[in-house]
Amino acid sequence: MSEAVVGLGSNLGKKNENLLQAVQALSRLPGSTIKRISSIFVSPPEGAPTEDAQEEYHNMAVLLETTMSPMALLGACLGVEAAMGRVRTHKNAARPIDLDLLLYEGIKSESFELSLPHPRLLQRAFTLLPLKELYPSGRAPGIFFEPHLRELDLTGIRRLERRIEMN
């Protein structure tokens, strides 16, 4: 079993319900168990094209223990997105769900299909704040992210009190 972290985001429709549906889908992946779930963080859209008037994002992270390979897990995440209606029209378009494989224990990779850790992980407060809840020490498998979090602008980001719980 390896630890993997999936970042989730939504800025279309019923955002918290979208996140819950995606977490439930992740809980059903073969050879995988959800170990921890972060709070939901709300953040302004980042990198959205100027012609897109986008709503704020709801973001969170899920820590999985899995026997799936990184590529299989990525494929499963893309399948969840497609099943939930994500259509990739243009870069940074609004979407009902976005699943990013952020980390996979023991794997560092740079390829067209998959880069691990996620290439923009350390540049985004909306990914590092949920990660900090999963790893309060500021250290996740293969990465010390605490110093990067301290350097980021947290303006406009807030934690929702509501959490997603798995039964």
C-alpha atoms as a PDB file:
ATOM      1  CA  MET A   1       0.000   0.000   0.000  1.00  0.00           C
ATOM      2  CA  SER A   2       1.158   3.498  -0.846  1.00  0.00           C
ATOM      3  CA  GLU A   3      -0.114   6.869   0.279  1.00  0.00           C
ATOM      4  CA  ALA A   4      -1.481   9.177  -2.390  1.00  0.00           C
ATOM      5  CA  VAL A   5      -3.069  12.608  -2.098  1.00  0.00           C
ATOM      6  CA  VAL A   6      -5.793  13.754  -4.484  1.00  0.00           C
ATOM      7  CA  GLY A   7      -6.745  17.425  -4.616  1.00  0.00           C
ATOM      8  CA  LEU A   8     -10.381  18.180  -5.420  1.00  0.00           C
ATOM      9  CA  GLY A   9     -11.918  21.411  -6.651  1.00  0.00           C
ATOM     10  CA  SER A  10     -15.290  22.611  -7.907  1.00  0.00           C
ATOM     11  CA  ASN A  11     -16.617  25.962  -9.083  1.00  0.00           C
ATOM     12  CA  LEU A  12     -19.764  25.022 -11.016  1.00  0.00           C
ATOM     13  CA  GLY A  13     -23.126  23.923  -9.686  1.00  0.00           C
ATOM     14  CA  LYS A  14     -23.558  22.644  -6.146  1.00  0.00           C
ATOM     15  CA  LYS A  15     -19.886  22.715  -5.260  1.00  0.00           C
ATOM     16  CA  ASN A  16     -19.980  20.933  -1.900  1.00  0.00           C
ATOM     17  CA  GLU A  17     -22.251  18.220  -3.305  1.00  0.00           C
ATOM     18  CA  ASN A  18     -19.842  17.793  -6.220  1.00  0.00           C
ATOM     19  CA  LEU A  19     -16.971  17.350  -3.775  1.00  0.00           C
ATOM     20  CA  LEU A  20     -18.939  14.818  -1.731  1.00  0.00           C
ATOM     21  CA  GLN A  21     -19.833  12.834  -4.852  1.00  0.00           C
ATOM     22  CA  ALA A  22     -16.166  12.776  -5.918  1.00  0.00           C
ATOM     23  CA  VAL A  23     -15.013  11.674  -2.445  1.00  0.00           C
ATOM     24  CA  GLN A  24     -17.580   8.869  -2.528  1.00  0.00           C
ATOM     25  CA  ALA A  25     -16.267   7.804  -5.950  1.00  0.00           C
ATOM     26  CA  LEU A  26     -12.691   7.792  -4.607  1.00  0.00           C
ATOM     27  CA  SER A  27     -13.822   5.643  -1.665  1.00  0.00           C
ATOM     28  CA  ARG A  28     -14.996   2.980  -4.126  1.00  0.00           C
ATOM     29  CA  LEU A  29     -11.714   2.672  -6.044  1.00  0.00           C
ATOM     30  CA  PRO A  30     -10.306  -0.864  -6.020  1.00  0.00           C
ATOM     31  CA  GLY A  31      -7.485  -1.485  -3.577  1.00  0.00           C
ATOM     32  CA  SER A  32      -7.947   1.966  -2.051  1.00  0.00           C
ATOM     33  CA  THR A  33      -9.018   3.273   1.340  1.00  0.00           C
ATOM     34  CA  ILE A  34      -9.582   6.881   2.352  1.00  0.00           C
ATOM     35  CA  LYS A  35      -7.454   7.612   5.428  1.00  0.00           C
ATOM     36  CA  ARG A  36      -8.134  11.322   5.937  1.00  0.00           C
ATOM     37  CA  ILE A  37     -10.171  14.124   4.382  1.00  0.00           C
ATOM     38  CA  SER A  38      -9.340  17.819   4.729  1.00  0.00           C
ATOM     39  CA  SER A  39     -11.754  20.632   5.340  1.00  0.00           C
ATOM     40  CA  ILE A  40     -13.191  22.486   2.379  1.00  0.00           C
ATOM     41  CA  PHE A  41     -11.424  25.727   1.524  1.00  0.00           C
ATOM     42  CA  VAL A  42     -12.999  28.495  -0.565  1.00  0.00           C
ATOM     43  CA  SER A  43     -10.728  30.494  -2.848  1.00  0.00           C
ATOM     44  CA  PRO A  44     -11.039  32.958  -5.709  1.00  0.00           C
ATOM     45  CA  PRO A  45     -10.545  31.544  -9.217  1.00  0.00           C
ATOM     46  CA  GLU A  46      -6.888  31.504 -10.168  1.00  0.00           C
ATOM     47  CA  GLY A  47      -5.603  31.680 -13.716  1.00  0.00           C
ATOM     48  CA  ALA A  48      -9.078  31.916 -15.238  1.00  0.00           C
ATOM     49  CA  PRO A  49      -9.222  33.497 -18.684  1.00  0.00           C
ATOM     50  CA  THR A  50     -10.347  37.119 -18.457  1.00  0.00           C
ATOM     51  CA  GLU A  51     -13.441  36.384 -20.553  1.00  0.00           C
ATOM     52  CA  ASP A  52     -14.582  33.801 -17.964  1.00  0.00           C
ATOM     53  CA  ALA A  53     -16.525  35.285 -15.077  1.00  0.00           C
ATOM     54  CA  GLN A  54     -15.986  32.376 -12.693  1.00  0.00           C
ATOM     55  CA  GLU A  55     -17.384  31.648  -9.265  1.00  0.00           C
ATOM     56  CA  GLU A  56     -15.101  30.935  -6.338  1.00  0.00           C
ATOM     57  CA  TYR A  57     -13.663  27.455  -5.952  1.00  0.00           C
ATOM     58  CA  HIS A  58     -14.297  24.973  -3.202  1.00  0.00           C
ATOM     59  CA  ASN A  59     -11.137  22.905  -2.697  1.00  0.00           C
ATOM     60  CA  MET A  60     -10.081  20.029  -0.473  1.00  0.00           C
ATOM     61  CA  ALA A  61      -7.710  17.068  -0.378  1.00  0.00           C
ATOM     62  CA  VAL A  62      -8.094  13.355   0.295  1.00  0.00           C
ATOM     63  CA  LEU A  63      -5.384  11.028   1.583  1.00  0.00           C
ATOM     64  CA  LEU A  64      -5.694   7.526   0.166  1.00  0.00           C
ATOM     65  CA  GLU A  65      -3.891   4.300   0.873  1.00  0.00           C
ATOM     66  CA  THR A  66      -3.867   2.436  -2.413  1.00  0.00           C
ATOM     67  CA  THR A  67      -2.473  -0.494  -4.310  1.00  0.00           C
ATOM     68  CA  MET A  68      -3.289   1.250  -7.611  1.00  0.00           C
ATOM     69  CA  SER A  69      -0.329   2.485  -9.648  1.00  0.00           C
ATOM     70  CA  PRO A  70      -0.007   6.249 -10.089  1.00  0.00           C
ATOM     71  CA  MET A  71      -1.145   5.994 -13.731  1.00  0.00           C
ATOM     72  CA  ALA A  72      -4.130   3.817 -12.810  1.00  0.00           C
ATOM     73  CA  LEU A  73      -5.099   6.263 -10.062  1.00  0.00           C
ATOM     74  CA  LEU A  74      -4.788   9.183 -12.489  1.00  0.00           C
ATOM     75  CA  GLY A  75      -6.988   7.308 -14.963  1.00  0.00           C
ATOM     76  CA  ALA A  76      -9.564   6.684 -12.242  1.00  0.00           C
ATOM     77  CA  CYS A  77      -9.566  10.396 -11.343  1.00  0.00           C
ATOM     78  CA  LEU A  78     -10.100  11.358 -14.983  1.00  0.00           C
ATOM     79  CA  GLY A  79     -12.940   8.830 -15.152  1.00  0.00           C
ATOM     80  CA  VAL A  80     -14.617  10.374 -12.094  1.00  0.00           C
ATOM     81  CA  GLU A  81     -14.326  13.815 -13.681  1.00  0.00           C
ATOM     82  CA  ALA A  82     -15.872  12.608 -16.927  1.00  0.00           C
ATOM     83  CA  ALA A  83     -18.681  10.773 -15.113  1.00  0.00           C
ATOM     84  CA  MET A  84     -19.468  13.980 -13.218  1.00  0.00           C
ATOM     85  CA  GLY A  85     -19.735  16.031 -16.410  1.00  0.00           C
ATOM     86  CA  ARG A  86     -16.361  17.713 -16.722  1.00  0.00           C
ATOM     87  CA  VAL A  87     -15.708  18.847 -20.272  1.00  0.00           C
ATOM     88  CA  ARG A  88     -12.278  20.295 -21.053  1.00  0.00           C
ATOM     89  CA  THR A  89     -13.101  23.277 -23.282  1.00  0.00           C
ATOM     90  CA  HIS A  90     -10.053  25.438 -22.539  1.00  0.00           C
ATOM     91  CA  LYS A  91      -7.342  25.794 -19.916  1.00  0.00           C
ATOM     92  CA  ASN A  92      -8.628  26.840 -16.480  1.00  0.00           C
ATOM     93  CA  ALA A  93     -12.270  26.719 -17.584  1.00  0.00           C
ATOM     94  CA  ALA A  94     -14.941  26.517 -14.890  1.00  0.00           C
ATOM     95  CA  ARG A  95     -15.780  22.927 -13.966  1.00  0.00           C
ATOM     96  CA  PRO A  96     -18.082  20.901 -11.750  1.00  0.00           C
ATOM     97  CA  ILE A  97     -15.139  18.830 -10.513  1.00  0.00           C
ATOM     98  CA  ASP A  98     -11.376  18.752 -10.856  1.00  0.00           C
ATOM     99  CA  LEU A  99      -9.290  15.898  -9.438  1.00  0.00           C
ATOM    100  CA  ASP A 100      -5.515  16.308  -9.359  1.00  0.00           C
ATOM    101  CA  LEU A 101      -3.121  13.606  -8.217  1.00  0.00           C
ATOM    102  CA  LEU A 102      -0.879  15.776  -6.034  1.00  0.00           C
ATOM    103  CA  LEU A 103       1.443  13.232  -4.426  1.00  0.00           C
ATOM    104  CA  TYR A 104       2.166   9.528  -4.564  1.00  0.00           C
ATOM    105  CA  GLU A 105       4.445   8.026  -1.939  1.00  0.00           C
ATOM    106  CA  GLY A 106       7.869   7.109  -3.262  1.00  0.00           C
ATOM    107  CA  ILE A 107       7.219   8.405  -6.792  1.00  0.00           C
ATOM    108  CA  LYS A 108       8.817  11.391  -8.478  1.00  0.00           C
ATOM    109  CA  SER A 109       7.914  11.655 -12.127  1.00  0.00           C
ATOM    110  CA  GLU A 110       7.931  14.174 -14.958  1.00  0.00           C
ATOM    111  CA  SER A 111       6.108  13.113 -18.065  1.00  0.00           C
ATOM    112  CA  PHE A 112       3.487  14.451 -20.415  1.00  0.00           C
ATOM    113  CA  GLU A 113       0.832  12.254 -18.769  1.00  0.00           C
ATOM    114  CA  LEU A 114       1.755  12.655 -15.102  1.00  0.00           C
ATOM    115  CA  SER A 115       4.148  14.756 -13.046  1.00  0.00           C
ATOM    116  CA  LEU A 116       4.597  13.964  -9.358  1.00  0.00           C
ATOM    117  CA  PRO A 117       4.571  15.811  -7.117  1.00  0.00           C
ATOM    118  CA  HIS A 118       2.035  17.960  -8.968  1.00  0.00           C
ATOM    119  CA  PRO A 119       4.082  20.675 -10.726  1.00  0.00           C
ATOM    120  CA  ARG A 120       2.194  23.626  -9.171  1.00  0.00           C
ATOM    121  CA  LEU A 121       1.577  22.087  -5.747  1.00  0.00           C
ATOM    122  CA  LEU A 122       3.996  24.360  -3.879  1.00  0.00           C
ATOM    123  CA  GLN A 123       2.713  27.517  -5.609  1.00  0.00           C
ATOM    124  CA  ARG A 124      -0.951  27.217  -4.601  1.00  0.00           C
ATOM    125  CA  ALA A 125      -2.309  28.014  -1.165  1.00  0.00           C
ATOM    126  CA  PHE A 126      -5.599  26.311  -2.044  1.00  0.00           C
ATOM    127  CA  THR A 127      -3.714  22.999  -2.320  1.00  0.00           C
ATOM    128  CA  LEU A 128      -1.265  23.494   0.542  1.00  0.00           C
ATOM    129  CA  LEU A 129      -3.860  24.489   3.166  1.00  0.00           C
ATOM    130  CA  PRO A 130      -5.793  21.202   2.747  1.00  0.00           C
ATOM    131  CA  LEU A 131      -2.476  19.318   2.600  1.00  0.00           C
ATOM    132  CA  LYS A 132      -1.476  20.914   5.915  1.00  0.00           C
ATOM    133  CA  GLU A 133      -4.600  19.413   7.513  1.00  0.00           C
ATOM    134  CA  LEU A 134      -3.651  15.978   6.209  1.00  0.00           C
ATOM    135  CA  TYR A 135      -0.011  16.389   7.283  1.00  0.00           C
ATOM    136  CA  PRO A 136       0.088  18.883  10.209  1.00  0.00           C
ATOM    137  CA  SER A 137       3.906  18.619  10.425  1.00  0.00           C
ATOM    138  CA  GLY A 138       4.225  20.282   7.014  1.00  0.00           C
ATOM    139  CA  ARG A 139       5.924  17.152   5.649  1.00  0.00           C
ATOM    140  CA  ALA A 140       4.188  14.752   3.296  1.00  0.00           C
ATOM    141  CA  PRO A 141       5.843  11.707   1.709  1.00  0.00           C
ATOM    142  CA  GLY A 142       8.786  13.034  -0.285  1.00  0.00           C
ATOM    143  CA  ILE A 143       8.076  16.729   0.217  1.00  0.00           C
ATOM    144  CA  PHE A 144       8.573  19.402   2.909  1.00  0.00           C
ATOM    145  CA  PHE A 145       5.944  21.998   2.035  1.00  0.00           C
ATOM    146  CA  GLU A 146       5.658  24.091   5.230  1.00  0.00           C
ATOM    147  CA  PRO A 147       8.150  26.812   4.160  1.00  0.00           C
ATOM    148  CA  HIS A 148       6.330  27.258   0.855  1.00  0.00           C
ATOM    149  CA  LEU A 149       2.970  27.666   2.593  1.00  0.00           C
ATOM    150  CA  ARG A 150       4.403  30.428   4.787  1.00  0.00           C
ATOM    151  CA  GLU A 151       5.431  32.381   1.678  1.00  0.00           C
ATOM    152  CA  LEU A 152       2.064  32.265  -0.105  1.00  0.00           C
ATOM    153  CA  ASP A 153      -0.603  34.951  -0.076  1.00  0.00           C
ATOM    154  CA  LEU A 154      -3.680  33.568   1.721  1.00  0.00           C
ATOM    155  CA  THR A 155      -5.865  36.580   0.889  1.00  0.00           C
ATOM    156  CA  GLY A 156      -9.373  35.547  -0.094  1.00  0.00           C
ATOM    157  CA  ILE A 157      -9.021  31.947   1.096  1.00  0.00           C
ATOM    158  CA  ARG A 158     -11.208  30.729   3.932  1.00  0.00           C
ATOM    159  CA  ARG A 159     -11.958  27.366   5.507  1.00  0.00           C
ATOM    160  CA  LEU A 160     -15.575  26.258   5.628  1.00  0.00           C
ATOM    161  CA  GLU A 161     -16.776  24.826   8.919  1.00  0.00           C
ATOM    162  CA  ARG A 162     -18.599  22.032   7.113  1.00  0.00           C
ATOM    163  CA  ARG A 163     -16.525  18.901   6.572  1.00  0.00           C
ATOM    164  CA  ILE A 164     -17.178  15.850   4.478  1.00  0.00           C
ATOM    165  CA  GLU A 165     -17.262  12.734   6.637  1.00  0.00           C
ATOM    166  CA  MET A 166     -17.131   9.180   5.386  1.00  0.00           C
ATOM    167  CA  ASN A 167     -19.251   6.584   7.163  1.00  0.00           C
END
